Amino acid sequence: MNSQMVIEFAKEGIYTVLMVSGPLLILALAVGLLVSIFQATTQIQEQTLAFIPKIVAVMIGMVFFGPWMLSNMVQFAANVFNNLNVLVG
């Protein structure tokens, strides 16, 4: 095993993490922005108001993006396990 292979696996792992977490983070960001705009226009300054819609949006996002996220994670894990003999030595 050489350093290039380790860097490649690390790169693939970081890419997988970004791809799996990205849709939910973008969804939470968009909902948070909409709630913030709503709070600014109505002058409601309740701090806990922003959390409930984000939690609901992320849960709904998990329902829609969950199978895709799971397949990406399983594909990465299978790739690591298939190349385990090369990684160990």
PDB file of N, CA and C in Angstrom:
ATOM      1  N   MET A   1       0.848  -1.171   0.000  1.00  0.00           N
ATOM      2  CA  MET A   1       0.000   0.000   0.000  1.00  0.00           C
ATOM      3  C   MET A   1       0.896   1.237   0.000  1.00  0.00           C
ATOM      4  N   ASN A   2       0.593   2.140  -0.881  1.00  0.00           N
ATOM      5  CA  ASN A   2       1.377   3.357  -0.959  1.00  0.00           C
ATOM      6  C   ASN A   2       0.538   4.561  -0.531  1.00  0.00           C
ATOM      7  N   SER A   3       1.175   5.687  -0.442  1.00  0.00           N
ATOM      8  CA  SER A   3       0.484   6.883   0.034  1.00  0.00           C
ATOM      9  C   SER A   3      -0.576   7.360  -0.963  1.00  0.00           C
ATOM     10  N   GLN A   4      -0.370   7.101  -2.233  1.00  0.00           N
ATOM     11  CA  GLN A   4      -1.357   7.515  -3.244  1.00  0.00           C
ATOM     12  C   GLN A   4      -2.686   6.798  -3.032  1.00  0.00           C
ATOM     13  N   MET A   5      -2.636   5.528  -2.666  1.00  0.00           N
ATOM     14  CA  MET A   5      -3.858   4.765  -2.434  1.00  0.00           C
ATOM     15  C   MET A   5      -4.591   5.280  -1.194  1.00  0.00           C
ATOM     16  N   VAL A   6      -3.848   5.624  -0.150  1.00  0.00           N
ATOM     17  CA  VAL A   6      -4.460   6.164   1.064  1.00  0.00           C
ATOM     18  C   VAL A   6      -5.123   7.503   0.769  1.00  0.00           C
ATOM     19  N   ILE A   7      -4.448   8.331   0.006  1.00  0.00           N
ATOM     20  CA  ILE A   7      -5.025   9.626  -0.360  1.00  0.00           C
ATOM     21  C   ILE A   7      -6.278   9.436  -1.210  1.00  0.00           C
ATOM     22  N   GLU A   8      -6.267   8.465  -2.092  1.00  0.00           N
ATOM     23  CA  GLU A   8      -7.444   8.191  -2.927  1.00  0.00           C
ATOM     24  C   GLU A   8      -8.634   7.724  -2.090  1.00  0.00           C
ATOM     25  N   PHE A   9      -8.386   6.840  -1.114  1.00  0.00           N
ATOM     26  CA  PHE A   9      -9.478   6.393  -0.245  1.00  0.00           C
ATOM     27  C   PHE A   9      -9.990   7.533   0.627  1.00  0.00           C
ATOM     28  N   ALA A  10      -9.090   8.379   1.116  1.00  0.00           N
ATOM     29  CA  ALA A  10      -9.514   9.526   1.918  1.00  0.00           C
ATOM     30  C   ALA A  10     -10.338  10.495   1.073  1.00  0.00           C
ATOM     31  N   LYS A  11      -9.906  10.709  -0.157  1.00  0.00           N
ATOM     32  CA  LYS A  11     -10.648  11.594  -1.063  1.00  0.00           C
ATOM     33  C   LYS A  11     -12.041  11.040  -1.346  1.00  0.00           C
ATOM     34  N   GLU A  12     -12.111   9.736  -1.584  1.00  0.00           N
ATOM     35  CA  GLU A  12     -13.406   9.111  -1.843  1.00  0.00           C
ATOM     36  C   GLU A  12     -14.304   9.157  -0.606  1.00  0.00           C
ATOM     37  N   GLY A  13     -13.718   9.008   0.575  1.00  0.00           N
ATOM     38  CA  GLY A  13     -14.490   9.080   1.813  1.00  0.00           C
ATOM     39  C   GLY A  13     -15.041  10.471   2.057  1.00  0.00           C
ATOM     40  N   ILE A  14     -14.228  11.494   1.839  1.00  0.00           N
ATOM     41  CA  ILE A  14     -14.691  12.869   2.014  1.00  0.00           C
ATOM     42  C   ILE A  14     -15.765  13.205   0.993  1.00  0.00           C
ATOM     43  N   TYR A  15     -15.578  12.759  -0.239  1.00  0.00           N
ATOM     44  CA  TYR A  15     -16.582  12.994  -1.277  1.00  0.00           C
ATOM     45  C   TYR A  15     -17.904  12.318  -0.912  1.00  0.00           C
ATOM     46  N   THR A  16     -17.828  11.107  -0.378  1.00  0.00           N
ATOM     47  CA  THR A  16     -19.043  10.393   0.015  1.00  0.00           C
ATOM     48  C   THR A  16     -19.755  11.114   1.153  1.00  0.00           C
ATOM     49  N   VAL A  17     -19.005  11.584   2.127  1.00  0.00           N
ATOM     50  CA  VAL A  17     -19.611  12.320   3.242  1.00  0.00           C
ATOM     51  C   VAL A  17     -20.298  13.586   2.745  1.00  0.00           C
ATOM     52  N   LEU A  18     -19.650  14.311   1.855  1.00  0.00           N
ATOM     53  CA  LEU A  18     -20.254  15.534   1.321  1.00  0.00           C
ATOM     54  C   LEU A  18     -21.500  15.240   0.500  1.00  0.00           C
ATOM     55  N   MET A  19     -21.451  14.198  -0.294  1.00  0.00           N
ATOM     56  CA  MET A  19     -22.616  13.850  -1.117  1.00  0.00           C
ATOM     57  C   MET A  19     -23.787  13.353  -0.270  1.00  0.00           C
ATOM     58  N   VAL A  20     -23.501  12.632   0.793  1.00  0.00           N
ATOM     59  CA  VAL A  20     -24.572  12.091   1.628  1.00  0.00           C
ATOM     60  C   VAL A  20     -25.187  13.176   2.503  1.00  0.00           C
ATOM     61  N   SER A  21     -24.359  14.037   3.062  1.00  0.00           N
ATOM     62  CA  SER A  21     -24.892  15.053   3.978  1.00  0.00           C
ATOM     63  C   SER A  21     -25.351  16.321   3.262  1.00  0.00           C
ATOM     64  N   GLY A  22     -24.914  16.523   2.040  1.00  0.00           N
ATOM     65  CA  GLY A  22     -25.217  17.751   1.312  1.00  0.00           C
ATOM     66  C   GLY A  22     -26.687  18.064   1.128  1.00  0.00           C
ATOM     67  N   PRO A  23     -27.479  17.135   0.639  1.00  0.00           N
ATOM     68  CA  PRO A  23     -28.896  17.473   0.408  1.00  0.00           C
ATOM     69  C   PRO A  23     -29.640  17.883   1.678  1.00  0.00           C
ATOM     70  N   LEU A  24     -29.363  17.211   2.787  1.00  0.00           N
ATOM     71  CA  LEU A  24     -30.051  17.572   4.026  1.00  0.00           C
ATOM     72  C   LEU A  24     -29.571  18.907   4.561  1.00  0.00           C
ATOM     73  N   LEU A  25     -28.291  19.188   4.422  1.00  0.00           N
ATOM     74  CA  LEU A  25     -27.777  20.480   4.873  1.00  0.00           C
ATOM     75  C   LEU A  25     -28.333  21.624   4.036  1.00  0.00           C
ATOM     76  N   ILE A  26     -28.419  21.414   2.736  1.00  0.00           N
ATOM     77  CA  ILE A  26     -28.981  22.450   1.863  1.00  0.00           C
ATOM     78  C   ILE A  26     -30.459  22.659   2.171  1.00  0.00           C
ATOM     79  N   LEU A  27     -31.177  21.578   2.435  1.00  0.00           N
ATOM     80  CA  LEU A  27     -32.595  21.677   2.793  1.00  0.00           C
ATOM     81  C   LEU A  27     -32.768  22.439   4.103  1.00  0.00           C
ATOM     82  N   ALA A  28     -31.966  22.120   5.111  1.00  0.00           N
ATOM     83  CA  ALA A  28     -32.050  22.822   6.394  1.00  0.00           C
ATOM     84  C   ALA A  28     -31.676  24.296   6.229  1.00  0.00           C
ATOM     85  N   LEU A  29     -30.694  24.579   5.391  1.00  0.00           N
ATOM     86  CA  LEU A  29     -30.301  25.963   5.141  1.00  0.00           C
ATOM     87  C   LEU A  29     -31.429  26.744   4.478  1.00  0.00           C
ATOM     88  N   ALA A  30     -32.084  26.141   3.493  1.00  0.00           N
ATOM     89  CA  ALA A  30     -33.168  26.826   2.786  1.00  0.00           C
ATOM     90  C   ALA A  30     -34.356  27.078   3.712  1.00  0.00           C
ATOM     91  N   VAL A  31     -34.707  26.084   4.510  1.00  0.00           N
ATOM     92  CA  VAL A  31     -35.826  26.263   5.437  1.00  0.00           C
ATOM     93  C   VAL A  31     -35.475  27.306   6.497  1.00  0.00           C
ATOM     94  N   GLY A  32     -34.249  27.280   6.991  1.00  0.00           N
ATOM     95  CA  GLY A  32     -33.830  28.278   7.961  1.00  0.00           C
ATOM     96  C   GLY A  32     -33.869  29.686   7.396  1.00  0.00           C
ATOM     97  N   LEU A  33     -33.470  29.829   6.133  1.00  0.00           N
ATOM     98  CA  LEU A  33     -33.522  31.131   5.479  1.00  0.00           C
ATOM     99  C   LEU A  33     -34.962  31.616   5.327  1.00  0.00           C
ATOM    100  N   LEU A  34     -35.856  30.711   4.928  1.00  0.00           N
ATOM    101  CA  LEU A  34     -37.264  31.095   4.792  1.00  0.00           C
ATOM    102  C   LEU A  34     -37.876  31.486   6.130  1.00  0.00           C
ATOM    103  N   VAL A  35     -37.557  30.744   7.173  1.00  0.00           N
ATOM    104  CA  VAL A  35     -38.079  31.077   8.500  1.00  0.00           C
ATOM    105  C   VAL A  35     -37.506  32.407   8.973  1.00  0.00           C
ATOM    106  N   SER A  36     -36.236  32.652   8.702  1.00  0.00           N
ATOM    107  CA  SER A  36     -35.625  33.924   9.094  1.00  0.00           C
ATOM    108  C   SER A  36     -36.266  35.096   8.367  1.00  0.00           C
ATOM    109  N   ILE A  37     -36.552  34.921   7.087  1.00  0.00           N
ATOM    110  CA  ILE A  37     -37.234  35.984   6.330  1.00  0.00           C
ATOM    111  C   ILE A  37     -38.628  36.207   6.887  1.00  0.00           C
ATOM    112  N   PHE A  38     -39.324  35.111   7.220  1.00  0.00           N
ATOM    113  CA  PHE A  38     -40.657  35.225   7.817  1.00  0.00           C
ATOM    114  C   PHE A  38     -40.588  35.947   9.157  1.00  0.00           C
ATOM    115  N   GLN A  39     -39.601  35.613   9.980  1.00  0.00           N
ATOM    116  CA  GLN A  39     -39.462  36.268  11.271  1.00  0.00           C
ATOM    117  C   GLN A  39     -39.126  37.750  11.119  1.00  0.00           C
ATOM    118  N   ALA A  40     -38.317  38.068  10.135  1.00  0.00           N
ATOM    119  CA  ALA A  40     -37.947  39.469   9.927  1.00  0.00           C
ATOM    120  C   ALA A  40     -39.127  40.293   9.431  1.00  0.00           C
ATOM    121  N   THR A  41     -39.962  39.718   8.585  1.00  0.00           N
ATOM    122  CA  THR A  41     -41.091  40.480   8.050  1.00  0.00           C
ATOM    123  C   THR A  41     -42.210  40.628   9.070  1.00  0.00           C
ATOM    124  N   THR A  42     -42.399  39.630   9.912  1.00  0.00           N
ATOM    125  CA  THR A  42     -43.474  39.702  10.904  1.00  0.00           C
ATOM    126  C   THR A  42     -42.983  40.216  12.252  1.00  0.00           C
ATOM    127  N   GLN A  43     -41.693  40.427  12.407  1.00  0.00           N
ATOM    128  CA  GLN A  43     -41.057  40.891  13.636  1.00  0.00           C
ATOM    129  C   GLN A  43     -41.325  39.961  14.818  1.00  0.00           C
ATOM    130  N   ILE A  44     -41.418  38.677  14.531  1.00  0.00           N
ATOM    131  CA  ILE A  44     -41.505  37.674  15.583  1.00  0.00           C
ATOM    132  C   ILE A  44     -40.078  37.243  15.895  1.00  0.00           C
ATOM    133  N   GLN A  45     -39.630  37.475  17.098  1.00  0.00           N
ATOM    134  CA  GLN A  45     -38.242  37.185  17.463  1.00  0.00           C
ATOM    135  C   GLN A  45     -38.144  35.987  18.408  1.00  0.00           C
ATOM    136  N   GLU A  46     -38.900  34.971  18.145  1.00  0.00           N
ATOM    137  CA  GLU A  46     -38.854  33.748  18.945  1.00  0.00           C
ATOM    138  C   GLU A  46     -37.727  32.859  18.427  1.00  0.00           C
ATOM    139  N   GLN A  47     -36.773  32.537  19.291  1.00  0.00           N
ATOM    140  CA  GLN A  47     -35.599  31.765  18.879  1.00  0.00           C
ATOM    141  C   GLN A  47     -35.947  30.310  18.566  1.00  0.00           C
ATOM    142  N   THR A  48     -36.911  29.753  19.256  1.00  0.00           N
ATOM    143  CA  THR A  48     -37.231  28.334  19.052  1.00  0.00           C
ATOM    144  C   THR A  48     -38.068  28.098  17.803  1.00  0.00           C
ATOM    145  N   LEU A  49     -38.585  29.151  17.209  1.00  0.00           N
ATOM    146  CA  LEU A  49     -39.421  29.003  16.014  1.00  0.00           C
ATOM    147  C   LEU A  49     -38.642  28.450  14.832  1.00  0.00           C
ATOM    148  N   ALA A  50     -37.357  28.707  14.770  1.00  0.00           N
ATOM    149  CA  ALA A  50     -36.561  28.259  13.627  1.00  0.00           C
ATOM    150  C   ALA A  50     -36.254  26.763  13.683  1.00  0.00           C
ATOM    151  N   PHE A  51     -36.271  26.152  14.855  1.00  0.00           N
ATOM    152  CA  PHE A  51     -35.850  24.766  14.970  1.00  0.00           C
ATOM    153  C   PHE A  51     -36.900  23.765  14.500  1.00  0.00           C
ATOM    154  N   ILE A  52     -38.144  23.995  14.811  1.00  0.00           N
ATOM    155  CA  ILE A  52     -39.204  23.032  14.468  1.00  0.00           C
ATOM    156  C   ILE A  52     -39.320  22.837  12.957  1.00  0.00           C
ATOM    157  N   PRO A  53     -39.405  23.898  12.142  1.00  0.00           N
ATOM    158  CA  PRO A  53     -39.492  23.671  10.691  1.00  0.00           C
ATOM    159  C   PRO A  53     -38.251  22.993  10.117  1.00  0.00           C
ATOM    160  N   LYS A  54     -37.068  23.310  10.666  1.00  0.00           N
ATOM    161  CA  LYS A  54     -35.853  22.657  10.180  1.00  0.00           C
ATOM    162  C   LYS A  54     -35.870  21.173  10.494  1.00  0.00           C
ATOM    163  N   ILE A  55     -36.276  20.821  11.693  1.00  0.00           N
ATOM    164  CA  ILE A  55     -36.330  19.405  12.075  1.00  0.00           C
ATOM    165  C   ILE A  55     -37.326  18.657  11.201  1.00  0.00           C
ATOM    166  N   VAL A  56     -38.488  19.248  10.981  1.00  0.00           N
ATOM    167  CA  VAL A  56     -39.499  18.605  10.129  1.00  0.00           C
ATOM    168  C   VAL A  56     -38.984  18.472   8.696  1.00  0.00           C
ATOM    169  N   ALA A  57     -38.337  19.513   8.180  1.00  0.00           N
ATOM    170  CA  ALA A  57     -37.824  19.464   6.804  1.00  0.00           C
ATOM    171  C   ALA A  57     -36.734  18.411   6.667  1.00  0.00           C
ATOM    172  N   VAL A  58     -35.862  18.300   7.657  1.00  0.00           N
ATOM    173  CA  VAL A  58     -34.801  17.291   7.583  1.00  0.00           C
ATOM    174  C   VAL A  58     -35.392  15.891   7.676  1.00  0.00           C
ATOM    175  N   MET A  59     -36.403  15.697   8.508  1.00  0.00           N
ATOM    176  CA  MET A  59     -37.052  14.377   8.583  1.00  0.00           C
ATOM    177  C   MET A  59     -37.729  14.017   7.259  1.00  0.00           C
ATOM    178  N   ILE A  60     -38.399  14.970   6.648  1.00  0.00           N
ATOM    179  CA  ILE A  60     -39.013  14.708   5.338  1.00  0.00           C
ATOM    180  C   ILE A  60     -37.928  14.456   4.298  1.00  0.00           C
ATOM    181  N   GLY A  61     -36.833  15.198   4.380  1.00  0.00           N
ATOM    182  CA  GLY A  61     -35.705  14.970   3.478  1.00  0.00           C
ATOM    183  C   GLY A  61     -35.102  13.587   3.660  1.00  0.00           C
ATOM    184  N   MET A  62     -35.060  13.105   4.912  1.00  0.00           N
ATOM    185  CA  MET A  62     -34.555  11.752   5.163  1.00  0.00           C
ATOM    186  C   MET A  62     -35.438  10.699   4.498  1.00  0.00           C
ATOM    187  N   VAL A  63     -36.736  10.963   4.477  1.00  0.00           N
ATOM    188  CA  VAL A  63     -37.644  10.009   3.826  1.00  0.00           C
ATOM    189  C   VAL A  63     -37.377   9.965   2.327  1.00  0.00           C
ATOM    190  N   PHE A  64     -37.184  11.140   1.719  1.00  0.00           N
ATOM    191  CA  PHE A  64     -36.979  11.179   0.277  1.00  0.00           C
ATOM    192  C   PHE A  64     -35.557  10.814  -0.139  1.00  0.00           C
ATOM    193  N   PHE A  65     -34.557  11.333   0.589  1.00  0.00           N
ATOM    194  CA  PHE A  65     -33.164  11.106   0.214  1.00  0.00           C
ATOM    195  C   PHE A  65     -32.540   9.901   0.896  1.00  0.00           C
ATOM    196  N   GLY A  66     -33.249   9.298   1.855  1.00  0.00           N
ATOM    197  CA  GLY A  66     -32.695   8.187   2.625  1.00  0.00           C
ATOM    198  C   GLY A  66     -32.218   7.004   1.795  1.00  0.00           C
ATOM    199  N   PRO A  67     -33.025   6.485   0.880  1.00  0.00           N
ATOM    200  CA  PRO A  67     -32.547   5.347   0.078  1.00  0.00           C
ATOM    201  C   PRO A  67     -31.315   5.671  -0.761  1.00  0.00           C
ATOM    202  N   TRP A  68     -31.279   6.863  -1.313  1.00  0.00           N
ATOM    203  CA  TRP A  68     -30.117   7.274  -2.109  1.00  0.00           C
ATOM    204  C   TRP A  68     -28.888   7.418  -1.222  1.00  0.00           C
ATOM    205  N   MET A  69     -29.061   8.008  -0.053  1.00  0.00           N
ATOM    206  CA  MET A  69     -27.948   8.169   0.884  1.00  0.00           C
ATOM    207  C   MET A  69     -27.427   6.812   1.340  1.00  0.00           C
ATOM    208  N   LEU A  70     -28.340   5.906   1.642  1.00  0.00           N
ATOM    209  CA  LEU A  70     -27.939   4.575   2.094  1.00  0.00           C
ATOM    210  C   LEU A  70     -27.202   3.823   0.996  1.00  0.00           C
ATOM    211  N   SER A  71     -27.659   3.935  -0.231  1.00  0.00           N
ATOM    212  CA  SER A  71     -26.979   3.232  -1.323  1.00  0.00           C
ATOM    213  C   SER A  71     -25.569   3.788  -1.544  1.00  0.00           C
ATOM    214  N   ASN A  72     -25.398   5.106  -1.391  1.00  0.00           N
ATOM    215  CA  ASN A  72     -24.050   5.680  -1.509  1.00  0.00           C
ATOM    216  C   ASN A  72     -23.136   5.178  -0.402  1.00  0.00           C
ATOM    217  N   MET A  73     -23.647   5.133   0.823  1.00  0.00           N
ATOM    218  CA  MET A  73     -22.821   4.667   1.941  1.00  0.00           C
ATOM    219  C   MET A  73     -22.484   3.185   1.813  1.00  0.00           C
ATOM    220  N   VAL A  74     -23.447   2.382   1.370  1.00  0.00           N
ATOM    221  CA  VAL A  74     -23.198   0.951   1.194  1.00  0.00           C
ATOM    222  C   VAL A  74     -22.200   0.713   0.069  1.00  0.00           C
ATOM    223  N   GLN A  75     -22.301   1.488  -0.993  1.00  0.00           N
ATOM    224  CA  GLN A  75     -21.350   1.361  -2.099  1.00  0.00           C
ATOM    225  C   GLN A  75     -19.934   1.711  -1.643  1.00  0.00           C
ATOM    226  N   PHE A  76     -19.785   2.761  -0.841  1.00  0.00           N
ATOM    227  CA  PHE A  76     -18.464   3.126  -0.333  1.00  0.00           C
ATOM    228  C   PHE A  76     -17.932   2.048   0.605  1.00  0.00           C
ATOM    229  N   ALA A  77     -18.785   1.540   1.499  1.00  0.00           N
ATOM    230  CA  ALA A  77     -18.348   0.500   2.434  1.00  0.00           C
ATOM    231  C   ALA A  77     -17.960  -0.769   1.687  1.00  0.00           C
ATOM    232  N   ALA A  78     -18.722  -1.128   0.660  1.00  0.00           N
ATOM    233  CA  ALA A  78     -18.385  -2.315  -0.128  1.00  0.00           C
ATOM    234  C   ALA A  78     -17.052  -2.127  -0.844  1.00  0.00           C
ATOM    235  N   ASN A  79     -16.797  -0.924  -1.322  1.00  0.00           N
ATOM    236  CA  ASN A  79     -15.522  -0.632  -1.977  1.00  0.00           C
ATOM    237  C   ASN A  79     -14.366  -0.775  -0.991  1.00  0.00           C
ATOM    238  N   VAL A  80     -14.552  -0.274   0.222  1.00  0.00           N
ATOM    239  CA  VAL A  80     -13.503  -0.390   1.233  1.00  0.00           C
ATOM    240  C   VAL A  80     -13.279  -1.855   1.601  1.00  0.00           C
ATOM    241  N   PHE A  81     -14.359  -2.610   1.804  1.00  0.00           N
ATOM    242  CA  PHE A  81     -14.229  -4.012   2.183  1.00  0.00           C
ATOM    243  C   PHE A  81     -13.636  -4.865   1.051  1.00  0.00           C
ATOM    244  N   ASN A  82     -13.964  -4.526  -0.183  1.00  0.00           N
ATOM    245  CA  ASN A  82     -13.386  -5.261  -1.311  1.00  0.00           C
ATOM    246  C   ASN A  82     -11.887  -5.008  -1.443  1.00  0.00           C
ATOM    247  N   ASN A  83     -11.451  -3.830  -1.062  1.00  0.00           N
ATOM    248  CA  ASN A  83     -10.035  -3.493  -1.161  1.00  0.00           C
ATOM    249  C   ASN A  83      -9.315  -3.606   0.186  1.00  0.00           C
ATOM    250  N   LEU A  84      -9.919  -4.285   1.127  1.00  0.00           N
ATOM    251  CA  LEU A  84      -9.332  -4.389   2.458  1.00  0.00           C
ATOM    252  C   LEU A  84      -8.025  -5.147   2.456  1.00  0.00           C
ATOM    253  N   ASN A  85      -7.926  -6.191   1.632  1.00  0.00           N
ATOM    254  CA  ASN A  85      -6.669  -6.957   1.586  1.00  0.00           C
ATOM    255  C   ASN A  85      -5.517  -6.103   1.037  1.00  0.00           C
ATOM    256  N   VAL A  86      -5.820  -5.164   0.159  1.00  0.00           N
ATOM    257  CA  VAL A  86      -4.792  -4.265  -0.347  1.00  0.00           C
ATOM    258  C   VAL A  86      -4.415  -3.236   0.713  1.00  0.00           C
ATOM    259  N   LEU A  87      -5.402  -2.768   1.473  1.00  0.00           N
ATOM    260  CA  LEU A  87      -5.136  -1.763   2.481  1.00  0.00           C
ATOM    261  C   LEU A  87      -4.350  -2.307   3.666  1.00  0.00           C
ATOM    262  N   VAL A  88      -4.669  -3.529   4.073  1.00  0.00           N
ATOM    263  CA  VAL A  88      -3.999  -4.113   5.238  1.00  0.00           C
ATOM    264  C   VAL A  88      -2.596  -4.547   4.895  1.00  0.00           C
ATOM    265  N   GLY A  89      -2.419  -5.093   3.774  1.00  0.00           N
ATOM    266  CA  GLY A  89      -1.055  -5.465   3.430  1.00  0.00           C
ATOM    267  C   GLY A  89      -1.040  -6.743   2.682  1.00  0.00           C
TER     268      GLY A  89
END
